[in-house]
Amino acid sequence: MAILVNLDVVLAQRKMRSKELAAAIGITEANLSLLKSGKVRGVRFETLAKICEVLDCQPGDILEYRPAAEDG
């Protein structure tokens, strides 16, 4: 996958648990877990904005683009 989700890293830096974040942004722990694992097809900007507000971060702190390795 070319897009990596670094939400666990940011949560650890903020010393916050997933359960706390899920409650603060109004989504289920299961949905947050899916987001953290990258097993979602998309994320609403509203949800991303809430995450950034609660964690005091930028979207780029959470999401990272990494190009696929080229065969050669």
Protein backbone atom coordinates (compact mmCIF):
# COMPACT_ATOMS: atom_id res chain seq x y z
CA MET A 1 0.00 0.00 0.00
CA ALA A 2 1.34 3.43 -0.91
CA ILE A 3 -0.42 5.35 1.86
CA LEU A 4 0.75 4.57 5.40
CA VAL A 5 -1.24 5.47 8.49
CA ASN A 6 1.00 6.61 11.35
CA LEU A 7 -1.81 7.17 13.83
CA ASP A 8 -0.29 4.78 16.39
CA VAL A 9 2.91 6.82 16.40
CA VAL A 10 1.08 10.11 16.99
CA LEU A 11 -1.08 8.52 19.70
CA ALA A 12 2.05 7.25 21.47
CA GLN A 13 3.70 10.67 21.24
CA ARG A 14 0.61 12.26 22.80
CA LYS A 15 0.33 9.46 25.40
CA MET A 16 -3.27 8.87 24.39
CA ARG A 17 -5.08 5.56 24.03
CA SER A 18 -7.16 4.63 21.00
CA LYS A 19 -10.22 4.36 23.23
CA GLU A 20 -9.81 7.98 24.35
CA LEU A 21 -9.39 9.23 20.79
CA ALA A 22 -12.40 7.29 19.53
CA ALA A 23 -14.57 8.79 22.26
CA ALA A 24 -13.22 12.30 21.64
CA ILE A 25 -13.93 12.24 17.90
CA GLY A 26 -17.19 10.30 18.07
CA ILE A 27 -16.37 7.07 16.22
CA THR A 28 -16.30 3.48 17.41
CA GLU A 29 -13.09 1.85 18.58
CA ALA A 30 -13.60 -0.74 15.83
CA ASN A 31 -13.68 1.94 13.12
CA LEU A 32 -10.63 3.65 14.60
CA SER A 33 -8.82 0.31 14.62
CA LEU A 34 -9.62 -0.18 10.94
CA LEU A 35 -8.31 3.29 10.18
CA LYS A 36 -5.10 2.68 12.15
CA SER A 37 -4.47 -0.56 10.28
CA GLY A 38 -5.05 1.07 6.88
CA LYS A 39 -7.96 -1.26 6.11
CA VAL A 40 -10.33 1.52 5.09
CA ARG A 41 -11.01 2.71 1.58
CA GLY A 42 -11.29 6.34 2.62
CA VAL A 43 -11.60 8.74 5.49
CA ARG A 44 -13.89 11.74 5.69
CA PHE A 45 -12.19 15.10 5.93
CA GLU A 46 -14.43 15.84 8.91
CA THR A 47 -13.06 12.79 10.75
CA LEU A 48 -9.49 13.67 9.80
CA ALA A 49 -10.03 17.24 11.02
CA LYS A 50 -11.36 15.99 14.38
CA ILE A 51 -8.38 13.66 14.79
CA CYS A 52 -5.98 16.52 14.04
CA GLU A 53 -7.80 18.83 16.46
CA VAL A 54 -7.72 16.33 19.33
CA LEU A 55 -4.11 15.25 18.70
CA ASP A 56 -2.93 18.78 17.86
CA CYS A 57 -1.27 17.63 14.66
CA GLN A 58 -1.39 18.00 10.88
CA PRO A 59 -2.82 15.43 8.42
CA GLY A 60 0.73 14.79 7.21
CA ASP A 61 1.67 13.63 10.70
CA ILE A 62 -0.91 10.85 10.39
CA LEU A 63 -0.82 9.96 6.69
CA GLU A 64 2.34 9.27 4.70
CA TYR A 65 2.79 8.53 1.01
CA ARG A 66 5.48 6.00 0.22
CA PRO A 67 6.02 5.04 -3.43
CA ALA A 68 5.94 1.36 -4.28
CA ALA A 69 9.34 -0.20 -4.84
CA GLU A 70 10.24 -0.35 -8.50
CA ASP A 71 11.07 -3.70 -10.05
CA GLY A 72 14.33 -3.79 -11.81
